[in-house]
Every structure is written in C-alpha cells, then in structure tokens.
PDB file of all heavy atoms in Angstrom:
ATOM      1  N   PRO A   1     -11.614  -0.673   1.246  1.00  0.00           N
ATOM      2  CA  PRO A   1     -11.579   0.683   0.548  1.00  0.00           C
ATOM      3  C   PRO A   1     -11.346   1.858   1.564  1.00  0.00           C
ATOM      4  O   PRO A   1     -10.946   2.862   1.017  1.00  0.00           O
ATOM      5  CB  PRO A   1     -13.069   0.698   0.029  1.00  0.00           C
ATOM      6  CG  PRO A   1     -13.813  -0.312   0.775  1.00  0.00           C
ATOM      7  CD  PRO A   1     -12.925  -1.353   1.276  1.00  0.00           C
ATOM      8  N   ARG A   2     -11.505   1.669   2.796  1.00  0.00           N
ATOM      9  CA  ARG A   2     -11.199   2.790   3.784  1.00  0.00           C
ATOM     10  C   ARG A   2      -9.818   2.761   4.223  1.00  0.00           C
ATOM     11  O   ARG A   2      -9.442   3.621   5.119  1.00  0.00           O
ATOM     12  CB  ARG A   2     -12.225   2.645   4.956  1.00  0.00           C
ATOM     13  CG  ARG A   2     -13.661   3.007   4.531  1.00  0.00           C
ATOM     14  CD  ARG A   2     -14.549   3.109   5.676  1.00  0.00           C
ATOM     15  NE  ARG A   2     -13.932   3.946   6.761  1.00  0.00           N
ATOM     16  CZ  ARG A   2     -14.077   5.234   6.950  1.00  0.00           C
ATOM     17  NH1 ARG A   2     -14.858   5.858   6.034  1.00  0.00           N
ATOM     18  NH2 ARG A   2     -13.561   5.831   7.893  1.00  0.00           N
ATOM     19  N   PHE A   3      -8.916   1.901   3.827  1.00  0.00           N
ATOM     20  CA  PHE A   3      -7.678   1.719   4.423  1.00  0.00           C
ATOM     21  C   PHE A   3      -6.858   2.929   4.366  1.00  0.00           C
ATOM     22  O   PHE A   3      -6.233   3.389   5.371  1.00  0.00           O
ATOM     23  CB  PHE A   3      -6.882   0.531   3.625  1.00  0.00           C
ATOM     24  CG  PHE A   3      -5.489   0.299   4.124  1.00  0.00           C
ATOM     25  CD1 PHE A   3      -5.366  -0.375   5.341  1.00  0.00           C
ATOM     26  CD2 PHE A   3      -4.404   0.738   3.390  1.00  0.00           C
ATOM     27  CE1 PHE A   3      -4.003  -0.603   5.811  1.00  0.00           C
ATOM     28  CE2 PHE A   3      -3.074   0.442   3.806  1.00  0.00           C
ATOM     29  CZ  PHE A   3      -2.878  -0.145   5.006  1.00  0.00           C
ATOM     30  N   VAL A   4      -6.727   3.648   3.218  1.00  0.00           N
ATOM     31  CA  VAL A   4      -5.920   4.876   3.062  1.00  0.00           C
ATOM     32  C   VAL A   4      -6.593   5.942   3.948  1.00  0.00           C
ATOM     33  O   VAL A   4      -5.764   6.755   4.627  1.00  0.00           O
ATOM     34  CB  VAL A   4      -5.775   5.335   1.569  1.00  0.00           C
ATOM     35  CG1 VAL A   4      -5.073   6.548   1.539  1.00  0.00           C
ATOM     36  CG2 VAL A   4      -5.056   4.108   0.768  1.00  0.00           C
ATOM     37  N   LEU A   5      -7.908   6.091   3.935  1.00  0.00           N
ATOM     38  CA  LEU A   5      -8.421   7.096   4.715  1.00  0.00           C
ATOM     39  C   LEU A   5      -8.205   6.939   6.249  1.00  0.00           C
ATOM     40  O   LEU A   5      -7.874   7.786   6.910  1.00  0.00           O
ATOM     41  CB  LEU A   5     -10.024   7.154   4.501  1.00  0.00           C
ATOM     42  CG  LEU A   5     -10.791   8.067   5.374  1.00  0.00           C
ATOM     43  CD1 LEU A   5     -10.397   9.609   5.096  1.00  0.00           C
ATOM     44  CD2 LEU A   5     -12.298   8.012   5.192  1.00  0.00           C
ATOM     45  N   ASP A   6      -8.257   5.697   6.633  1.00  0.00           N
ATOM     46  CA  ASP A   6      -7.937   5.343   8.070  1.00  0.00           C
ATOM     47  C   ASP A   6      -6.496   5.631   8.344  1.00  0.00           C
ATOM     48  O   ASP A   6      -6.159   6.073   9.427  1.00  0.00           O
ATOM     49  CB  ASP A   6      -8.205   3.865   8.308  1.00  0.00           C
ATOM     50  CG  ASP A   6      -9.665   3.522   8.370  1.00  0.00           C
ATOM     51  OD1 ASP A   6     -10.526   4.463   8.406  1.00  0.00           O
ATOM     52  OD2 ASP A   6     -10.067   2.385   8.297  1.00  0.00           O
ATOM     53  N   LEU A   7      -5.571   5.329   7.385  1.00  0.00           N
ATOM     54  CA  LEU A   7      -4.100   5.659   7.757  1.00  0.00           C
ATOM     55  C   LEU A   7      -4.033   7.235   7.728  1.00  0.00           C
ATOM     56  O   LEU A   7      -3.291   7.775   8.689  1.00  0.00           O
ATOM     57  CB  LEU A   7      -3.300   5.195   6.527  1.00  0.00           C
ATOM     58  CG  LEU A   7      -2.972   3.801   6.469  1.00  0.00           C
ATOM     59  CD1 LEU A   7      -2.149   3.523   5.232  1.00  0.00           C
ATOM     60  CD2 LEU A   7      -2.440   3.208   7.649  1.00  0.00           C
ATOM     61  N   ARG A   8      -4.672   7.957   6.962  1.00  0.00           N
ATOM     62  CA  ARG A   8      -4.655   9.469   6.953  1.00  0.00           C
ATOM     63  C   ARG A   8      -5.180   9.968   8.317  1.00  0.00           C
ATOM     64  O   ARG A   8      -4.783  11.143   8.773  1.00  0.00           O
ATOM     65  CB  ARG A   8      -5.481  10.032   5.791  1.00  0.00           C
ATOM     66  CG  ARG A   8      -4.805   9.893   4.523  1.00  0.00           C
ATOM     67  CD  ARG A   8      -5.807  10.337   3.355  1.00  0.00           C
ATOM     68  NE  ARG A   8      -5.326  10.153   2.042  1.00  0.00           N
ATOM     69  CZ  ARG A   8      -5.883  10.239   0.982  1.00  0.00           C
ATOM     70  NH1 ARG A   8      -7.245  10.344   1.002  1.00  0.00           N
ATOM     71  NH2 ARG A   8      -5.275  10.114  -0.263  1.00  0.00           N
ATOM     72  N   ASN A   9      -6.012   9.202   8.926  1.00  0.00           N
ATOM     73  CA  ASN A   9      -6.625   9.596  10.176  1.00  0.00           C
ATOM     74  C   ASN A   9      -5.852   9.047  11.371  1.00  0.00           C
ATOM     75  O   ASN A   9      -6.353   8.995  12.550  1.00  0.00           O
ATOM     76  CB  ASN A   9      -8.085   9.182  10.280  1.00  0.00           C
ATOM     77  CG  ASN A   9      -9.039  10.093   9.406  1.00  0.00           C
ATOM     78  OD1 ASN A   9      -8.674  11.297   9.217  1.00  0.00           O
ATOM     79  ND2 ASN A   9      -9.945   9.511   8.735  1.00  0.00           N
ATOM     80  N   GLY A  10      -4.668   8.392  11.163  1.00  0.00           N
ATOM     81  CA  GLY A  10      -3.860   7.972  12.357  1.00  0.00           C
ATOM     82  C   GLY A  10      -3.837   6.486  12.515  1.00  0.00           C
ATOM     83  O   GLY A  10      -3.129   6.064  13.408  1.00  0.00           O
ATOM     84  N   ARG A  11      -4.501   5.647  11.652  1.00  0.00           N
ATOM     85  CA  ARG A  11      -4.420   4.236  11.876  1.00  0.00           C
ATOM     86  C   ARG A  11      -3.054   3.781  11.673  1.00  0.00           C
ATOM     87  O   ARG A  11      -2.303   4.151  10.875  1.00  0.00           O
ATOM     88  CB  ARG A  11      -5.384   3.535  10.898  1.00  0.00           C
ATOM     89  CG  ARG A  11      -5.269   2.032  10.942  1.00  0.00           C
ATOM     90  CD  ARG A  11      -6.232   1.511   9.906  1.00  0.00           C
ATOM     91  NE  ARG A  11      -6.108   0.130   9.769  1.00  0.00           N
ATOM     92  CZ  ARG A  11      -6.851  -0.654   8.808  1.00  0.00           C
ATOM     93  NH1 ARG A  11      -7.671  -0.055   8.111  1.00  0.00           N
ATOM     94  NH2 ARG A  11      -6.671  -1.987   8.844  1.00  0.00           N
ATOM     95  N   MET A  12      -2.608   2.867  12.568  1.00  0.00           N
ATOM     96  CA  MET A  12      -1.244   2.255  12.514  1.00  0.00           C
ATOM     97  C   MET A  12      -1.459   0.813  12.070  1.00  0.00           C
ATOM     98  O   MET A  12      -1.936   0.019  12.867  1.00  0.00           O
ATOM     99  CB  MET A  12      -0.566   2.350  13.871  1.00  0.00           C
ATOM    100  CG  MET A  12      -0.247   3.779  14.325  1.00  0.00           C
ATOM    101  SD  MET A  12       0.802   4.751  13.280  1.00  0.00           S
ATOM    102  CE  MET A  12       2.365   3.924  13.391  1.00  0.00           C
ATOM    103  N   PRO A  13      -0.926   0.439  10.835  1.00  0.00           N
ATOM    104  CA  PRO A  13      -1.101  -0.870  10.349  1.00  0.00           C
ATOM    105  C   PRO A  13      -0.123  -1.905  11.134  1.00  0.00           C
ATOM    106  O   PRO A  13       0.966  -1.418  11.625  1.00  0.00           O
ATOM    107  CB  PRO A  13      -0.771  -0.775   8.831  1.00  0.00           C
ATOM    108  CG  PRO A  13       0.206   0.315   8.813  1.00  0.00           C
ATOM    109  CD  PRO A  13      -0.291   1.363   9.915  1.00  0.00           C
ATOM    110  N   ARG A  14      -0.488  -3.038  11.150  1.00  0.00           N
ATOM    111  CA  ARG A  14       0.397  -4.103  11.574  1.00  0.00           C
ATOM    112  C   ARG A  14       1.522  -4.292  10.603  1.00  0.00           C
ATOM    113  O   ARG A  14       1.455  -3.957   9.506  1.00  0.00           O
ATOM    114  CB  ARG A  14      -0.357  -5.401  11.708  1.00  0.00           C
ATOM    115  CG  ARG A  14      -1.444  -5.335  12.827  1.00  0.00           C
ATOM    116  CD  ARG A  14      -2.105  -6.727  12.816  1.00  0.00           C
ATOM    117  NE  ARG A  14      -3.177  -6.625  13.797  1.00  0.00           N
ATOM    118  CZ  ARG A  14      -4.223  -7.465  13.882  1.00  0.00           C
ATOM    119  NH1 ARG A  14      -4.268  -8.510  13.198  1.00  0.00           N
ATOM    120  NH2 ARG A  14      -5.075  -7.365  14.889  1.00  0.00           N
ATOM    121  N   SER A  15       2.653  -4.869  11.137  1.00  0.00           N
ATOM    122  CA  SER A  15       3.849  -5.051  10.280  1.00  0.00           C
ATOM    123  C   SER A  15       3.498  -5.892   9.129  1.00  0.00           C
ATOM    124  O   SER A  15       4.020  -5.692   7.933  1.00  0.00           O
ATOM    125  CB  SER A  15       5.038  -5.540  11.100  1.00  0.00           C
ATOM    126  OG  SER A  15       4.648  -6.776  11.696  1.00  0.00           O
ATOM    127  N   GLY A  16       2.819  -6.990   9.260  1.00  0.00           N
ATOM    128  CA  GLY A  16       2.371  -7.825   8.166  1.00  0.00           C
ATOM    129  C   GLY A  16       1.632  -7.158   7.098  1.00  0.00           C
ATOM    130  O   GLY A  16       1.824  -7.349   5.870  1.00  0.00           O
ATOM    131  N   THR A  17       0.724  -6.325   7.534  1.00  0.00           N
ATOM    132  CA  THR A  17      -0.040  -5.397   6.507  1.00  0.00           C
ATOM    133  C   THR A  17       0.792  -4.454   5.801  1.00  0.00           C
ATOM    134  O   THR A  17       0.719  -4.311   4.648  1.00  0.00           O
ATOM    135  CB  THR A  17      -1.284  -4.710   7.401  1.00  0.00           C
ATOM    136  OG1 THR A  17      -2.008  -5.605   7.946  1.00  0.00           O
ATOM    137  CG2 THR A  17      -2.031  -3.912   6.294  1.00  0.00           C
ATOM    138  N   GLU A  18       1.714  -3.856   6.578  1.00  0.00           N
ATOM    139  CA  GLU A  18       2.689  -2.927   5.892  1.00  0.00           C
ATOM    140  C   GLU A  18       3.496  -3.667   4.829  1.00  0.00           C
ATOM    141  O   GLU A  18       3.607  -3.280   3.644  1.00  0.00           O
ATOM    142  CB  GLU A  18       3.573  -2.282   6.914  1.00  0.00           C
ATOM    143  CG  GLU A  18       4.315  -1.192   6.361  1.00  0.00           C
ATOM    144  CD  GLU A  18       5.052  -0.294   7.368  1.00  0.00           C
ATOM    145  OE1 GLU A  18       4.681  -0.317   8.640  1.00  0.00           O
ATOM    146  OE2 GLU A  18       5.882   0.554   7.008  1.00  0.00           O
ATOM    147  N   ARG A  19       4.006  -4.844   5.064  1.00  0.00           N
ATOM    148  CA  ARG A  19       4.785  -5.692   4.129  1.00  0.00           C
ATOM    149  C   ARG A  19       3.829  -5.995   2.879  1.00  0.00           C
ATOM    150  O   ARG A  19       4.349  -5.937   1.764  1.00  0.00           O
ATOM    151  CB  ARG A  19       5.366  -6.841   4.855  1.00  0.00           C
ATOM    152  CG  ARG A  19       6.548  -6.670   5.707  1.00  0.00           C
ATOM    153  CD  ARG A  19       7.264  -7.892   6.184  1.00  0.00           C
ATOM    154  NE  ARG A  19       6.319  -8.862   6.775  1.00  0.00           N
ATOM    155  CZ  ARG A  19       6.132  -8.826   8.065  1.00  0.00           C
ATOM    156  NH1 ARG A  19       6.702  -7.971   8.883  1.00  0.00           N
ATOM    157  NH2 ARG A  19       5.294  -9.753   8.687  1.00  0.00           N
ATOM    158  N   ARG A  20       2.690  -6.430   3.165  1.00  0.00           N
ATOM    159  CA  ARG A  20       1.798  -6.729   2.049  1.00  0.00           C
ATOM    160  C   ARG A  20       1.474  -5.565   1.209  1.00  0.00           C
ATOM    161  O   ARG A  20       1.488  -5.716  -0.106  1.00  0.00           O
ATOM    162  CB  ARG A  20       0.417  -7.393   2.639  1.00  0.00           C
ATOM    163  CG  ARG A  20      -0.413  -7.941   1.586  1.00  0.00           C
ATOM    164  CD  ARG A  20      -1.522  -8.786   2.179  1.00  0.00           C
ATOM    165  NE  ARG A  20      -2.540  -7.973   2.840  1.00  0.00           N
ATOM    166  CZ  ARG A  20      -2.760  -7.925   4.216  1.00  0.00           C
ATOM    167  NH1 ARG A  20      -2.182  -8.820   4.960  1.00  0.00           N
ATOM    168  NH2 ARG A  20      -3.699  -7.119   4.697  1.00  0.00           N
ATOM    169  N   VAL A  21       1.333  -4.434   1.793  1.00  0.00           N
ATOM    170  CA  VAL A  21       1.016  -3.210   0.970  1.00  0.00           C
ATOM    171  C   VAL A  21       2.255  -2.796   0.236  1.00  0.00           C
ATOM    172  O   VAL A  21       2.176  -2.481  -1.052  1.00  0.00           O
ATOM    173  CB  VAL A  21       0.582  -2.046   1.919  1.00  0.00           C
ATOM    174  CG1 VAL A  21       0.543  -0.704   1.102  1.00  0.00           C
ATOM    175  CG2 VAL A  21      -0.865  -2.339   2.469  1.00  0.00           C
ATOM    176  N   ASP A  22       3.488  -2.825   0.729  1.00  0.00           N
ATOM    177  CA  ASP A  22       4.661  -2.518   0.024  1.00  0.00           C
ATOM    178  C   ASP A  22       4.822  -3.480  -1.072  1.00  0.00           C
ATOM    179  O   ASP A  22       5.257  -3.135  -2.252  1.00  0.00           O
ATOM    180  CB  ASP A  22       5.868  -2.595   0.992  1.00  0.00           C
ATOM    181  CG  ASP A  22       5.989  -1.298   1.853  1.00  0.00           C
ATOM    182  OD1 ASP A  22       5.625  -0.248   1.426  1.00  0.00           O
ATOM    183  OD2 ASP A  22       6.531  -1.411   2.881  1.00  0.00           O
ATOM    184  N   GLY A  23       4.549  -4.789  -0.827  1.00  0.00           N
ATOM    185  CA  GLY A  23       4.584  -5.844  -1.918  1.00  0.00           C
ATOM    186  C   GLY A  23       3.627  -5.588  -3.050  1.00  0.00           C
ATOM    187  O   GLY A  23       3.976  -5.709  -4.187  1.00  0.00           O
ATOM    188  N   PHE A  24       2.484  -5.051  -2.698  1.00  0.00           N
ATOM    189  CA  PHE A  24       1.476  -4.729  -3.770  1.00  0.00           C
ATOM    190  C   PHE A  24       1.997  -3.585  -4.635  1.00  0.00           C
ATOM    191  O   PHE A  24       1.836  -3.739  -5.827  1.00  0.00           O
ATOM    192  CB  PHE A  24       0.199  -4.373  -3.018  1.00  0.00           C
ATOM    193  CG  PHE A  24      -0.904  -3.717  -3.957  1.00  0.00           C
ATOM    194  CD1 PHE A  24      -1.648  -4.470  -4.931  1.00  0.00           C
ATOM    195  CD2 PHE A  24      -0.871  -2.353  -4.040  1.00  0.00           C
ATOM    196  CE1 PHE A  24      -2.391  -3.837  -5.832  1.00  0.00           C
ATOM    197  CE2 PHE A  24      -1.730  -1.744  -4.994  1.00  0.00           C
ATOM    198  CZ  PHE A  24      -2.506  -2.511  -5.799  1.00  0.00           C
ATOM    199  N   MET A  25       2.483  -2.563  -4.011  1.00  0.00           N
ATOM    200  CA  MET A  25       3.034  -1.474  -4.772  1.00  0.00           C
ATOM    201  C   MET A  25       4.232  -1.830  -5.618  1.00  0.00           C
ATOM    202  O   MET A  25       4.211  -1.417  -6.773  1.00  0.00           O
ATOM    203  CB  MET A  25       3.479  -0.250  -3.837  1.00  0.00           C
ATOM    204  CG  MET A  25       2.222   0.358  -3.110  1.00  0.00           C
ATOM    205  SD  MET A  25       2.517   1.773  -2.176  1.00  0.00           S
ATOM    206  CE  MET A  25       3.479   1.212  -0.846  1.00  0.00           C
ATOM    207  N   ALA A  26       5.096  -2.657  -5.071  1.00  0.00           N
ATOM    208  CA  ALA A  26       6.249  -3.131  -5.924  1.00  0.00           C
ATOM    209  C   ALA A  26       5.776  -4.037  -7.113  1.00  0.00           C
ATOM    210  O   ALA A  26       6.315  -3.844  -8.205  1.00  0.00           O
ATOM    211  CB  ALA A  26       7.184  -3.914  -5.071  1.00  0.00           C
ATOM    212  N   GLU A  27       4.811  -4.919  -6.821  1.00  0.00           N
ATOM    213  CA  GLU A  27       4.288  -5.694  -7.978  1.00  0.00           C
ATOM    214  C   GLU A  27       3.550  -4.794  -8.950  1.00  0.00           C
ATOM    215  O   GLU A  27       3.754  -5.070 -10.134  1.00  0.00           O
ATOM    216  CB  GLU A  27       3.365  -6.720  -7.397  1.00  0.00           C
ATOM    217  CG  GLU A  27       2.793  -7.598  -8.435  1.00  0.00           C
ATOM    218  CD  GLU A  27       1.824  -8.740  -7.871  1.00  0.00           C
ATOM    219  OE1 GLU A  27       2.109  -9.185  -6.638  1.00  0.00           O
ATOM    220  OE2 GLU A  27       0.934  -9.153  -8.530  1.00  0.00           O
ATOM    221  N   TRP A  28       2.765  -3.907  -8.518  1.00  0.00           N
ATOM    222  CA  TRP A  28       2.031  -2.977  -9.463  1.00  0.00           C
ATOM    223  C   TRP A  28       3.045  -2.249 -10.346  1.00  0.00           C
ATOM    224  O   TRP A  28       2.947  -2.115 -11.565  1.00  0.00           O
ATOM    225  CB  TRP A  28       1.200  -2.014  -8.640  1.00  0.00           C
ATOM    226  CG  TRP A  28       0.292  -1.191  -9.494  1.00  0.00           C
ATOM    227  CD1 TRP A  28       0.566   0.075 -10.166  1.00  0.00           C
ATOM    228  CD2 TRP A  28      -1.033  -1.527  -9.830  1.00  0.00           C
ATOM    229  NE1 TRP A  28      -0.489   0.469 -10.889  1.00  0.00           N
ATOM    230  CE2 TRP A  28      -1.531  -0.411 -10.706  1.00  0.00           C
ATOM    231  CE3 TRP A  28      -1.924  -2.533  -9.577  1.00  0.00           C
ATOM    232  CZ2 TRP A  28      -2.842  -0.410 -11.129  1.00  0.00           C
ATOM    233  CZ3 TRP A  28      -3.118  -2.475 -10.090  1.00  0.00           C
ATOM    234  CH2 TRP A  28      -3.632  -1.425 -10.924  1.00  0.00           C
ATOM    235  N   ARG A  29       4.109  -1.745  -9.751  1.00  0.00           N
ATOM    236  CA  ARG A  29       5.221  -0.986 -10.481  1.00  0.00           C
ATOM    237  C   ARG A  29       5.784  -1.860 -11.451  1.00  0.00           C
ATOM    238  O   ARG A  29       6.063  -1.455 -12.666  1.00  0.00           O
ATOM    239  CB  ARG A  29       6.241  -0.397  -9.575  1.00  0.00           C
ATOM    240  CG  ARG A  29       5.674   0.810  -8.895  1.00  0.00           C
ATOM    241  CD  ARG A  29       6.811   1.438  -8.071  1.00  0.00           C
ATOM    242  NE  ARG A  29       6.295   2.789  -7.608  1.00  0.00           N
ATOM    243  CZ  ARG A  29       6.069   3.033  -6.341  1.00  0.00           C
ATOM    244  NH1 ARG A  29       6.196   2.134  -5.375  1.00  0.00           N
ATOM    245  NH2 ARG A  29       5.737   4.243  -5.911  1.00  0.00           N
ATOM    246  N   ALA A  30       6.138  -3.133 -11.134  1.00  0.00           N
ATOM    247  CA  ALA A  30       6.755  -4.136 -12.062  1.00  0.00           C
ATOM    248  C   ALA A  30       5.812  -4.389 -13.233  1.00  0.00           C
ATOM    249  O   ALA A  30       6.307  -4.578 -14.299  1.00  0.00           O
ATOM    250  CB  ALA A  30       7.199  -5.354 -11.334  1.00  0.00           C
ATOM    251  N   ARG A  31       4.536  -4.530 -13.044  1.00  0.00           N
ATOM    252  CA  ARG A  31       3.582  -4.880 -13.987  1.00  0.00           C
ATOM    253  C   ARG A  31       3.224  -3.755 -14.919  1.00  0.00           C
ATOM    254  O   ARG A  31       3.042  -3.920 -16.169  1.00  0.00           O
ATOM    255  CB  ARG A  31       2.252  -5.545 -13.374  1.00  0.00           C
ATOM    256  CG  ARG A  31       2.461  -6.918 -13.002  1.00  0.00           C
ATOM    257  CD  ARG A  31       1.097  -7.506 -12.617  1.00  0.00           C
ATOM    258  NE  ARG A  31       0.591  -6.682 -11.455  1.00  0.00           N
ATOM    259  CZ  ARG A  31      -0.657  -6.700 -11.167  1.00  0.00           C
ATOM    260  NH1 ARG A  31      -1.555  -7.232 -11.969  1.00  0.00           N
ATOM    261  NH2 ARG A  31      -1.142  -5.957 -10.093  1.00  0.00           N
ATOM    262  N   MET A  32       2.985  -2.614 -14.312  1.00  0.00           N
ATOM    263  CA  MET A  32       2.531  -1.384 -15.008  1.00  0.00           C
ATOM    264  C   MET A  32       3.610  -0.637 -15.691  1.00  0.00           C
ATOM    265  O   MET A  32       3.345   0.296 -16.537  1.00  0.00           O
ATOM    266  CB  MET A  32       1.671  -0.517 -14.150  1.00  0.00           C
ATOM    267  CG  MET A  32       0.493  -1.255 -13.457  1.00  0.00           C
ATOM    268  SD  MET A  32      -0.543  -2.125 -14.759  1.00  0.00           S
ATOM    269  CE  MET A  32      -1.626  -0.789 -15.042  1.00  0.00           C
ATOM    270  N   GLY A  33       4.938  -0.728 -15.277  1.00  0.00           N
ATOM    271  CA  GLY A  33       5.953   0.029 -15.857  1.00  0.00           C
ATOM    272  C   GLY A  33       5.840   1.451 -15.347  1.00  0.00           C
ATOM    273  O   GLY A  33       5.651   1.702 -14.197  1.00  0.00           O
ATOM    274  N   GLU A  34       6.148   2.429 -16.245  1.00  0.00           N
ATOM    275  CA  GLU A  34       6.328   3.863 -15.853  1.00  0.00           C
ATOM    276  C   GLU A  34       5.002   4.421 -15.331  1.00  0.00           C
ATOM    277  O   GLU A  34       3.839   4.062 -15.920  1.00  0.00           O
ATOM    278  CB  GLU A  34       6.763   4.666 -17.060  1.00  0.00           C
ATOM    279  CG  GLU A  34       8.161   4.430 -17.477  1.00  0.00           C
ATOM    280  CD  GLU A  34       9.192   4.876 -16.379  1.00  0.00           C
ATOM    281  OE1 GLU A  34       8.953   5.978 -15.882  1.00  0.00           O
ATOM    282  OE2 GLU A  34      10.075   4.138 -16.079  1.00  0.00           O
ATOM    283  N   PRO A  35       4.988   5.194 -14.353  1.00  0.00           N
ATOM    284  CA  PRO A  35       3.816   5.817 -13.758  1.00  0.00           C
ATOM    285  C   PRO A  35       3.260   6.878 -14.705  1.00  0.00           C
ATOM    286  O   PRO A  35       4.027   7.361 -15.535  1.00  0.00           O
ATOM    287  CB  PRO A  35       4.229   6.416 -12.376  1.00  0.00           C
ATOM    288  CG  PRO A  35       5.722   6.570 -12.509  1.00  0.00           C
ATOM    289  CD  PRO A  35       6.176   5.487 -13.529  1.00  0.00           C
ATOM    290  N   ARG A  36       1.982   7.112 -14.619  1.00  0.00           N
ATOM    291  CA  ARG A  36       1.363   8.151 -15.343  1.00  0.00           C
ATOM    292  C   ARG A  36       1.882   9.558 -15.073  1.00  0.00           C
ATOM    293  O   ARG A  36       2.047  10.400 -15.870  1.00  0.00           O
ATOM    294  CB  ARG A  36      -0.143   8.142 -15.169  1.00  0.00           C
ATOM    295  CG  ARG A  36      -0.821   6.930 -15.792  1.00  0.00           C
ATOM    296  CD  ARG A  36      -2.337   7.034 -15.605  1.00  0.00           C
ATOM    297  NE  ARG A  36      -2.974   5.677 -15.695  1.00  0.00           N
ATOM    298  CZ  ARG A  36      -4.133   5.469 -15.324  1.00  0.00           C
ATOM    299  NH1 ARG A  36      -4.852   6.378 -14.856  1.00  0.00           N
ATOM    300  NH2 ARG A  36      -4.580   4.197 -15.392  1.00  0.00           N
TER     301      ARG A  36
END
C-alpha cells in the first residue's frame, strides 16, 4: 500500500516491478473500459 508514496519520495523500482505495474494498468484499462 505504500508503493506510490515511496515512488513519490524517490524510490526507484526494479525493472521487473515496473513491467508488472505497467501490465496491471494495461489489464485494468482493458477490463474497466473508459476511465471515470
């Protein structure tokens, strides 16, 4: 739950984590359709 806060404070994610997060966002968009 602190992931975004840590990024805002300068945390640099590993490349695998970045790919996983990008995949999560792509999957969410595909399932949820148009954003609010």
